[in-house]
Amino acid sequence: MDSVENFGKLFNSPLEAGIRAVVVLEKLRPEAADLAEMVLLDHVVVHTADIGGPPSLHPDLSDRKGELLVRRRLVERSLDLMRRCHLVDQEITDEGVLYRASDEAAGYIELLETRYSEKLKECADWVVDRLKAGGKTQFKNFVRAQIGDWTEAFGTTGGTSVQG
């Protein structure tokens, strides 16, 4: 199998999405995020240019909103993979299931040195800086204004219950 075929199997695989999740959660530390937030964060870290950020990690597609419909399952599988690798912790709280970077995540991220990984870290820094500047609710409203309402893609009726 050549390297092009191998890349095709990694592109948007649970492994790639899991690495993105670990990087985003580590940048978000000490905060946690629920699954719906992780789906949104995965989408915007891949498509930062859509919301006024640095050049996107992945190429532009004509209907990126449709990606949100398949991204939920991918992110869910990726978080499970990263939990098994001890890079993501899962918490069951009164608000639901939350994910946060494990204590091992920072050391792992330091080892990521490919061009894609460096760009991912830059995009994640930009996204999390915006999120922390105004809080989760304001960030979600900003993204909604940029890319439209995504709540149906997450199986929710009005967004998540996370406070800003």
N, C-alpha and C. Protein backbone atom coordinates (compact mmCIF):
# COMPACT_ATOMS: atom_id res chain seq x y z
N MET A 1 0.84 -1.17 0.00
CA MET A 1 0.00 0.00 0.00
C MET A 1 0.90 1.24 0.00
N ASP A 2 0.62 2.18 -0.89
CA ASP A 2 1.47 3.37 -0.95
C ASP A 2 1.01 4.43 0.04
N SER A 3 1.82 5.49 0.16
CA SER A 3 1.54 6.52 1.16
C SER A 3 0.25 7.28 0.88
N VAL A 4 -0.14 7.40 -0.39
CA VAL A 4 -1.40 8.09 -0.72
C VAL A 4 -2.58 7.29 -0.18
N GLU A 5 -2.55 5.98 -0.33
CA GLU A 5 -3.62 5.15 0.21
C GLU A 5 -3.65 5.23 1.73
N ASN A 6 -2.49 5.20 2.36
CA ASN A 6 -2.43 5.31 3.82
C ASN A 6 -3.01 6.64 4.28
N PHE A 7 -2.66 7.74 3.58
CA PHE A 7 -3.19 9.05 3.96
C PHE A 7 -4.71 9.05 3.84
N GLY A 8 -5.23 8.46 2.78
CA GLY A 8 -6.68 8.41 2.59
C GLY A 8 -7.39 7.72 3.73
N LYS A 9 -6.73 6.72 4.32
CA LYS A 9 -7.34 6.01 5.44
C LYS A 9 -7.25 6.81 6.73
N LEU A 10 -6.30 7.72 6.84
CA LEU A 10 -6.15 8.54 8.04
C LEU A 10 -6.98 9.81 7.98
N PHE A 11 -7.22 10.35 6.78
CA PHE A 11 -7.94 11.61 6.63
C PHE A 11 -9.34 11.46 7.19
N ASN A 12 -9.66 12.28 8.17
CA ASN A 12 -10.95 12.26 8.86
C ASN A 12 -11.27 10.90 9.47
N SER A 13 -10.25 10.19 9.88
CA SER A 13 -10.42 8.93 10.60
C SER A 13 -10.58 9.24 12.09
N PRO A 14 -11.00 8.26 12.88
CA PRO A 14 -11.04 8.48 14.32
C PRO A 14 -9.68 8.89 14.90
N LEU A 15 -8.60 8.39 14.31
CA LEU A 15 -7.26 8.77 14.80
C LEU A 15 -7.01 10.26 14.55
N GLU A 16 -7.23 10.72 13.33
CA GLU A 16 -7.01 12.14 13.03
C GLU A 16 -7.92 13.03 13.87
N ALA A 17 -9.21 12.69 13.93
CA ALA A 17 -10.14 13.49 14.72
C ALA A 17 -9.79 13.41 16.21
N GLY A 18 -9.27 12.27 16.65
CA GLY A 18 -8.86 12.13 18.04
C GLY A 18 -7.68 13.02 18.37
N ILE A 19 -6.73 13.11 17.47
CA ILE A 19 -5.60 14.01 17.68
C ILE A 19 -6.09 15.45 17.75
N ARG A 20 -7.02 15.81 16.86
CA ARG A 20 -7.59 17.17 16.92
C ARG A 20 -8.27 17.39 18.27
N ALA A 21 -9.02 16.40 18.75
CA ALA A 21 -9.73 16.53 20.02
C ALA A 21 -8.75 16.73 21.18
N VAL A 22 -7.68 15.96 21.20
CA VAL A 22 -6.69 16.09 22.27
C VAL A 22 -6.07 17.48 22.24
N VAL A 23 -5.71 17.96 21.06
CA VAL A 23 -5.10 19.29 20.95
C VAL A 23 -6.09 20.35 21.42
N VAL A 24 -7.33 20.29 20.97
CA VAL A 24 -8.33 21.30 21.36
C VAL A 24 -8.58 21.24 22.87
N LEU A 25 -8.75 20.04 23.40
CA LEU A 25 -9.02 19.93 24.85
C LEU A 25 -7.84 20.40 25.69
N GLU A 26 -6.63 20.13 25.23
CA GLU A 26 -5.45 20.61 25.97
C GLU A 26 -5.40 22.14 25.95
N LYS A 27 -5.72 22.73 24.80
CA LYS A 27 -5.73 24.20 24.70
C LYS A 27 -6.86 24.77 25.56
N LEU A 28 -7.94 24.03 25.71
CA LEU A 28 -9.10 24.48 26.48
C LEU A 28 -8.90 24.31 27.98
N ARG A 29 -7.94 23.54 28.37
CA ARG A 29 -7.67 23.22 29.78
C ARG A 29 -7.71 24.47 30.64
N PRO A 30 -8.30 24.49 31.79
CA PRO A 30 -8.84 23.37 32.55
C PRO A 30 -10.31 23.08 32.24
N GLU A 31 -10.88 23.79 31.29
CA GLU A 31 -12.29 23.59 30.94
C GLU A 31 -12.51 22.23 30.30
N ALA A 32 -13.75 21.78 30.36
CA ALA A 32 -14.18 20.55 29.72
C ALA A 32 -15.21 20.91 28.66
N ALA A 33 -15.55 19.95 27.82
CA ALA A 33 -16.56 20.18 26.78
C ALA A 33 -17.41 18.92 26.64
N ASP A 34 -18.67 19.11 26.29
CA ASP A 34 -19.53 17.96 26.04
C ASP A 34 -19.41 17.54 24.57
N LEU A 35 -20.10 16.50 24.20
CA LEU A 35 -19.97 15.96 22.84
C LEU A 35 -20.40 16.98 21.79
N ALA A 36 -21.51 17.66 22.01
CA ALA A 36 -21.97 18.65 21.03
C ALA A 36 -20.94 19.75 20.84
N GLU A 37 -20.34 20.20 21.93
CA GLU A 37 -19.30 21.22 21.83
C GLU A 37 -18.08 20.69 21.11
N MET A 38 -17.72 19.45 21.35
CA MET A 38 -16.57 18.86 20.67
C MET A 38 -16.81 18.73 19.17
N VAL A 39 -18.05 18.42 18.79
CA VAL A 39 -18.38 18.36 17.36
C VAL A 39 -18.21 19.74 16.75
N LEU A 40 -18.73 20.74 17.40
CA LEU A 40 -18.60 22.11 16.91
C LEU A 40 -17.13 22.53 16.86
N LEU A 41 -16.40 22.28 17.93
CA LEU A 41 -14.99 22.67 17.97
C LEU A 41 -14.17 21.94 16.91
N ASP A 42 -14.48 20.67 16.68
CA ASP A 42 -13.78 19.94 15.63
C ASP A 42 -14.07 20.56 14.27
N HIS A 43 -15.31 20.93 14.04
CA HIS A 43 -15.66 21.55 12.75
C HIS A 43 -14.94 22.89 12.57
N VAL A 44 -14.97 23.74 13.58
CA VAL A 44 -14.37 25.07 13.40
C VAL A 44 -12.85 25.02 13.40
N VAL A 45 -12.23 24.05 14.10
CA VAL A 45 -10.77 23.98 14.06
C VAL A 45 -10.31 23.50 12.68
N VAL A 46 -11.14 22.73 12.00
CA VAL A 46 -10.82 22.28 10.64
C VAL A 46 -11.09 23.39 9.62
N HIS A 47 -12.11 24.21 9.88
CA HIS A 47 -12.54 25.25 8.94
C HIS A 47 -12.45 26.65 9.56
N THR A 48 -11.31 26.99 10.12
CA THR A 48 -11.14 28.28 10.79
C THR A 48 -11.39 29.46 9.86
N ALA A 49 -11.06 29.34 8.60
CA ALA A 49 -11.25 30.46 7.67
C ALA A 49 -12.73 30.82 7.52
N ASP A 50 -13.63 29.85 7.76
CA ASP A 50 -15.07 30.12 7.66
C ASP A 50 -15.54 31.12 8.70
N ILE A 51 -14.80 31.23 9.80
CA ILE A 51 -15.23 32.15 10.86
C ILE A 51 -14.21 33.26 11.08
N GLY A 52 -13.46 33.58 10.02
CA GLY A 52 -12.54 34.71 10.08
C GLY A 52 -11.18 34.41 10.66
N GLY A 53 -10.84 33.15 10.76
CA GLY A 53 -9.58 32.76 11.36
C GLY A 53 -8.49 32.51 10.33
N PRO A 54 -7.43 31.85 10.77
CA PRO A 54 -6.33 31.53 9.87
C PRO A 54 -6.78 30.56 8.78
N PRO A 55 -5.95 30.34 7.76
CA PRO A 55 -6.32 29.38 6.71
C PRO A 55 -6.73 28.04 7.32
N SER A 56 -7.75 27.44 6.75
CA SER A 56 -8.30 26.19 7.27
C SER A 56 -7.34 25.02 7.12
N LEU A 57 -7.48 24.05 8.01
CA LEU A 57 -6.68 22.83 7.96
C LEU A 57 -7.01 21.99 6.73
N HIS A 58 -8.30 21.90 6.41
CA HIS A 58 -8.76 21.05 5.32
C HIS A 58 -9.26 21.90 4.17
N PRO A 59 -9.29 21.34 2.98
CA PRO A 59 -9.78 22.09 1.81
C PRO A 59 -11.25 22.47 1.95
N ASP A 60 -11.60 23.55 1.30
CA ASP A 60 -13.00 23.99 1.30
C ASP A 60 -13.86 23.03 0.50
N LEU A 61 -15.02 22.73 1.02
CA LEU A 61 -16.03 21.95 0.32
C LEU A 61 -17.25 22.84 0.16
N SER A 62 -18.04 22.57 -0.86
CA SER A 62 -19.17 23.46 -1.13
C SER A 62 -20.21 23.45 -0.02
N ASP A 63 -20.47 22.32 0.60
CA ASP A 63 -21.50 22.26 1.64
C ASP A 63 -20.92 21.71 2.92
N ARG A 64 -20.16 22.55 3.62
CA ARG A 64 -19.53 22.09 4.86
C ARG A 64 -20.54 21.86 5.96
N LYS A 65 -21.70 22.50 5.89
CA LYS A 65 -22.71 22.28 6.92
C LYS A 65 -23.13 20.81 6.95
N GLY A 66 -23.13 20.16 5.79
CA GLY A 66 -23.45 18.74 5.72
C GLY A 66 -22.45 17.88 6.47
N GLU A 67 -21.22 18.37 6.59
CA GLU A 67 -20.20 17.64 7.34
C GLU A 67 -20.63 17.43 8.78
N LEU A 68 -21.36 18.39 9.32
CA LEU A 68 -21.76 18.29 10.72
C LEU A 68 -22.62 17.05 10.97
N LEU A 69 -23.34 16.61 9.96
CA LEU A 69 -24.21 15.45 10.12
C LEU A 69 -23.41 14.17 10.33
N VAL A 70 -22.24 14.06 9.71
CA VAL A 70 -21.42 12.86 9.88
C VAL A 70 -20.35 13.05 10.93
N ARG A 71 -20.05 14.27 11.27
CA ARG A 71 -18.95 14.55 12.20
C ARG A 71 -19.26 14.06 13.62
N ARG A 72 -20.51 14.07 14.04
CA ARG A 72 -20.84 13.68 15.41
C ARG A 72 -20.35 12.27 15.73
N ARG A 73 -20.65 11.33 14.86
CA ARG A 73 -20.23 9.94 15.10
C ARG A 73 -18.71 9.83 15.06
N LEU A 74 -18.07 10.53 14.14
CA LEU A 74 -16.61 10.51 14.04
C LEU A 74 -15.98 11.05 15.33
N VAL A 75 -16.48 12.16 15.83
CA VAL A 75 -15.94 12.76 17.05
C VAL A 75 -16.18 11.84 18.24
N GLU A 76 -17.34 11.24 18.30
CA GLU A 76 -17.65 10.31 19.38
C GLU A 76 -16.66 9.14 19.38
N ARG A 77 -16.41 8.56 18.22
CA ARG A 77 -15.46 7.45 18.11
C ARG A 77 -14.04 7.91 18.44
N SER A 78 -13.70 9.12 18.01
CA SER A 78 -12.34 9.63 18.27
C SER A 78 -12.11 9.88 19.76
N LEU A 79 -13.11 10.41 20.44
CA LEU A 79 -12.97 10.63 21.88
C LEU A 79 -12.82 9.31 22.62
N ASP A 80 -13.56 8.30 22.19
CA ASP A 80 -13.43 6.97 22.80
C ASP A 80 -12.03 6.41 22.58
N LEU A 81 -11.50 6.57 21.37
CA LEU A 81 -10.14 6.12 21.07
C LEU A 81 -9.12 6.84 21.95
N MET A 82 -9.25 8.14 22.08
CA MET A 82 -8.29 8.91 22.88
C MET A 82 -8.44 8.63 24.38
N ARG A 83 -9.62 8.23 24.82
CA ARG A 83 -9.80 7.80 26.21
C ARG A 83 -9.02 6.50 26.45
N ARG A 84 -9.11 5.58 25.49
CA ARG A 84 -8.39 4.31 25.61
C ARG A 84 -6.88 4.52 25.58
N CYS A 85 -6.44 5.60 24.95
CA CYS A 85 -5.01 5.94 24.91
C CYS A 85 -4.60 6.79 26.11
N HIS A 86 -5.53 7.06 27.01
CA HIS A 86 -5.29 7.83 28.23
C HIS A 86 -4.92 9.29 27.94
N LEU A 87 -5.43 9.84 26.84
CA LEU A 87 -5.16 11.25 26.50
C LEU A 87 -6.36 12.13 26.75
N VAL A 88 -7.53 11.53 26.93
CA VAL A 88 -8.77 12.25 27.22
C VAL A 88 -9.44 11.57 28.41
N ASP A 89 -9.92 12.38 29.33
CA ASP A 89 -10.70 11.88 30.46
C ASP A 89 -12.17 12.19 30.23
N GLN A 90 -13.02 11.28 30.67
CA GLN A 90 -14.46 11.46 30.56
C GLN A 90 -15.04 11.58 31.96
N GLU A 91 -15.91 12.57 32.14
CA GLU A 91 -16.56 12.77 33.43
C GLU A 91 -18.07 12.71 33.26
N ILE A 92 -18.72 12.03 34.16
CA ILE A 92 -20.18 12.02 34.19
C ILE A 92 -20.59 13.02 35.26
N THR A 93 -21.30 14.06 34.86
CA THR A 93 -21.70 15.12 35.79
C THR A 93 -23.22 15.31 35.73
N ASP A 94 -23.71 16.19 36.57
CA ASP A 94 -25.14 16.52 36.53
C ASP A 94 -25.53 17.13 35.19
N GLU A 95 -24.57 17.79 34.52
CA GLU A 95 -24.84 18.41 33.22
C GLU A 95 -24.72 17.41 32.07
N GLY A 96 -24.21 16.22 32.34
CA GLY A 96 -24.03 15.21 31.30
C GLY A 96 -22.59 14.73 31.24
N VAL A 97 -22.22 14.18 30.10
CA VAL A 97 -20.88 13.64 29.89
C VAL A 97 -19.98 14.75 29.38
N LEU A 98 -18.86 14.95 30.08
CA LEU A 98 -17.89 15.98 29.69
C LEU A 98 -16.54 15.33 29.41
N TYR A 99 -15.79 15.97 28.52
CA TYR A 99 -14.47 15.50 28.15
C TYR A 99 -13.45 16.58 28.47
N ARG A 100 -12.28 16.14 28.94
CA ARG A 100 -11.18 17.08 29.18
C ARG A 100 -9.87 16.36 28.88
N ALA A 101 -8.84 17.15 28.61
CA ALA A 101 -7.52 16.59 28.35
C ALA A 101 -7.00 15.91 29.61
N SER A 102 -6.39 14.76 29.45
CA SER A 102 -5.79 14.07 30.59
C SER A 102 -4.45 14.73 30.93
N ASP A 103 -3.87 14.30 32.02
CA ASP A 103 -2.56 14.84 32.43
C ASP A 103 -1.46 14.48 31.42
N GLU A 104 -1.66 13.42 30.65
CA GLU A 104 -0.66 13.00 29.66
C GLU A 104 -0.76 13.77 28.35
N ALA A 105 -1.84 14.51 28.14
CA ALA A 105 -2.09 15.15 26.84
C ALA A 105 -1.03 16.18 26.47
N ALA A 106 -0.60 17.01 27.41
CA ALA A 106 0.37 18.06 27.09
C ALA A 106 1.68 17.48 26.56
N GLY A 107 2.17 16.43 27.20
CA GLY A 107 3.40 15.79 26.74
C GLY A 107 3.24 15.19 25.35
N TYR A 108 2.10 14.61 25.09
CA TYR A 108 1.83 14.03 23.78
C TYR A 108 1.83 15.12 22.70
N ILE A 109 1.16 16.22 22.97
CA ILE A 109 1.05 17.31 21.99
C ILE A 109 2.42 17.90 21.66
N GLU A 110 3.30 17.96 22.64
CA GLU A 110 4.65 18.46 22.39
C GLU A 110 5.40 17.61 21.37
N LEU A 111 5.04 16.33 21.29
CA LEU A 111 5.71 15.42 20.36
C LEU A 111 5.20 15.58 18.92
N LEU A 112 4.08 16.24 18.73
CA LEU A 112 3.51 16.41 17.39
C LEU A 112 4.26 17.51 16.65
N GLU A 113 4.98 17.13 15.60
CA GLU A 113 5.83 18.10 14.91
C GLU A 113 5.63 18.16 13.41
N THR A 114 4.66 17.42 12.86
CA THR A 114 4.44 17.49 11.42
C THR A 114 3.87 18.86 11.05
N ARG A 115 3.92 19.18 9.78
CA ARG A 115 3.37 20.45 9.31
C ARG A 115 1.87 20.54 9.65
N TYR A 116 1.15 19.44 9.45
CA TYR A 116 -0.28 19.41 9.78
C TYR A 116 -0.49 19.66 11.27
N SER A 117 0.31 18.99 12.10
CA SER A 117 0.17 19.14 13.55
C SER A 117 0.45 20.56 14.01
N GLU A 118 1.47 21.18 13.45
CA GLU A 118 1.79 22.56 13.82
C GLU A 118 0.66 23.50 13.41
N LYS A 119 0.11 23.28 12.23
CA LYS A 119 -1.02 24.09 11.77
C LYS A 119 -2.24 23.85 12.64
N LEU A 120 -2.47 22.59 13.02
CA LEU A 120 -3.56 22.25 13.92
C LEU A 120 -3.43 22.99 15.24
N LYS A 121 -2.24 23.02 15.80
CA LYS A 121 -2.02 23.73 17.06
C LYS A 121 -2.31 25.22 16.91
N GLU A 122 -1.90 25.80 15.80
CA GLU A 122 -2.17 27.23 15.55
C GLU A 122 -3.67 27.48 15.44
N CYS A 123 -4.36 26.63 14.69
CA CYS A 123 -5.81 26.80 14.54
C CYS A 123 -6.52 26.60 15.88
N ALA A 124 -6.10 25.59 16.64
CA ALA A 124 -6.71 25.34 17.94
C ALA A 124 -6.46 26.50 18.89
N ASP A 125 -5.25 27.07 18.88
CA ASP A 125 -4.97 28.25 19.70
C ASP A 125 -5.94 29.38 19.34
N TRP A 126 -6.11 29.61 18.05
CA TRP A 126 -6.97 30.71 17.59
C TRP A 126 -8.42 30.48 18.03
N VAL A 127 -8.92 29.25 17.82
CA VAL A 127 -10.31 28.93 18.18
C VAL A 127 -10.52 29.07 19.69
N VAL A 128 -9.64 28.48 20.48
CA VAL A 128 -9.81 28.49 21.93
C VAL A 128 -9.62 29.90 22.49
N ASP A 129 -8.73 30.69 21.91
CA ASP A 129 -8.59 32.09 22.34
C ASP A 129 -9.92 32.83 22.15
N ARG A 130 -10.58 32.61 21.02
CA ARG A 130 -11.88 33.26 20.76
C ARG A 130 -12.93 32.78 21.74
N LEU A 131 -12.92 31.48 22.00
CA LEU A 131 -13.90 30.89 22.91
C LEU A 131 -13.72 31.43 24.32
N LYS A 132 -12.48 31.46 24.79
CA LYS A 132 -12.22 31.92 26.15
C LYS A 132 -12.45 33.42 26.31
N ALA A 133 -12.27 34.18 25.24
CA ALA A 133 -12.44 35.64 25.32
C ALA A 133 -13.87 36.03 25.65
N GLY A 134 -14.82 35.32 25.10
CA GLY A 134 -16.21 35.72 25.33
C GLY A 134 -17.07 34.67 26.00
N GLY A 135 -16.53 33.51 26.26
CA GLY A 135 -17.29 32.43 26.86
C GLY A 135 -17.93 31.55 25.80
N LYS A 136 -18.37 30.37 26.23
CA LYS A 136 -18.90 29.39 25.29
C LYS A 136 -20.17 29.86 24.60
N THR A 137 -21.06 30.49 25.33
CA THR A 137 -22.32 30.92 24.72
C THR A 137 -22.08 31.97 23.64
N GLN A 138 -21.25 32.95 23.94
CA GLN A 138 -20.96 33.98 22.95
C GLN A 138 -20.24 33.38 21.74
N PHE A 139 -19.32 32.44 21.98
CA PHE A 139 -18.61 31.80 20.88
C PHE A 139 -19.58 31.04 19.99
N LYS A 140 -20.49 30.28 20.59
CA LYS A 140 -21.48 29.53 19.79
C LYS A 140 -22.35 30.47 18.99
N ASN A 141 -22.75 31.59 19.58
CA ASN A 141 -23.56 32.57 18.84
C ASN A 141 -22.77 33.16 17.67
N PHE A 142 -21.49 33.43 17.90
CA PHE A 142 -20.63 33.95 16.83
C PHE A 142 -20.52 32.95 15.69
N VAL A 143 -20.25 31.68 16.03
CA VAL A 143 -20.13 30.65 15.00
C VAL A 143 -21.45 30.48 14.27
N ARG A 144 -22.54 30.47 15.01
CA ARG A 144 -23.87 30.34 14.39
C ARG A 144 -24.11 31.46 13.39
N ALA A 145 -23.68 32.67 13.73
CA ALA A 145 -23.85 33.81 12.82
C ALA A 145 -22.99 33.64 11.56
N GLN A 146 -21.85 32.96 11.70
CA GLN A 146 -20.95 32.77 10.57
C GLN A 146 -21.35 31.61 9.67
N ILE A 147 -21.75 30.49 10.26
CA ILE A 147 -22.02 29.29 9.45
C ILE A 147 -23.46 28.83 9.51
N GLY A 148 -24.31 29.49 10.24
CA GLY A 148 -25.71 29.10 10.32
C GLY A 148 -25.97 28.24 11.53
N ASP A 149 -27.23 27.84 11.67
CA ASP A 149 -27.66 27.05 12.82
C ASP A 149 -27.29 25.59 12.59
N TRP A 150 -26.55 25.02 13.51
CA TRP A 150 -26.09 23.65 13.37
C TRP A 150 -26.77 22.71 14.36
N THR A 151 -27.70 23.22 15.18
CA THR A 151 -28.20 22.42 16.29
C THR A 151 -28.83 21.11 15.84
N GLU A 152 -29.45 21.09 14.65
CA GLU A 152 -30.06 19.84 14.20
C GLU A 152 -29.00 18.78 13.95
N ALA A 153 -27.79 19.17 13.61
CA ALA A 153 -26.73 18.21 13.36
C ALA A 153 -26.27 17.53 14.64
N PHE A 154 -26.52 18.15 15.79
CA PHE A 154 -26.08 17.60 17.05
C PHE A 154 -27.19 16.85 17.77
N GLY A 155 -28.37 16.80 17.19
CA GLY A 155 -29.47 16.11 17.84
C GLY A 155 -30.03 16.90 19.00
N THR A 156 -29.89 18.23 18.96
CA THR A 156 -30.42 19.08 20.02
C THR A 156 -31.45 20.03 19.40
N THR A 157 -32.20 20.66 20.25
CA THR A 157 -33.23 21.57 19.74
C THR A 157 -32.88 23.01 19.96
N GLY A 158 -31.91 23.30 20.79
CA GLY A 158 -31.58 24.68 21.02
C GLY A 158 -30.15 24.87 21.44
N GLY A 159 -29.27 24.02 20.98
CA GLY A 159 -27.88 24.12 21.41
C GLY A 159 -27.69 23.30 22.66
N THR A 160 -26.55 23.42 23.26
CA THR A 160 -26.26 22.67 24.46
C THR A 160 -26.58 23.50 25.68
N SER A 161 -26.54 22.85 26.82
CA SER A 161 -26.90 23.53 28.05
C SER A 161 -25.71 24.18 28.74
N VAL A 162 -24.57 24.22 28.09
CA VAL A 162 -23.38 24.78 28.70
C VAL A 162 -23.50 26.29 28.80
N GLN A 163 -23.12 26.80 29.92
CA GLN A 163 -23.18 28.25 30.16
C GLN A 163 -21.90 28.90 29.68
N GLY A 164 -21.98 30.20 29.35
CA GLY A 164 -20.81 30.93 28.85
C GLY A 164 -19.82 31.27 29.88
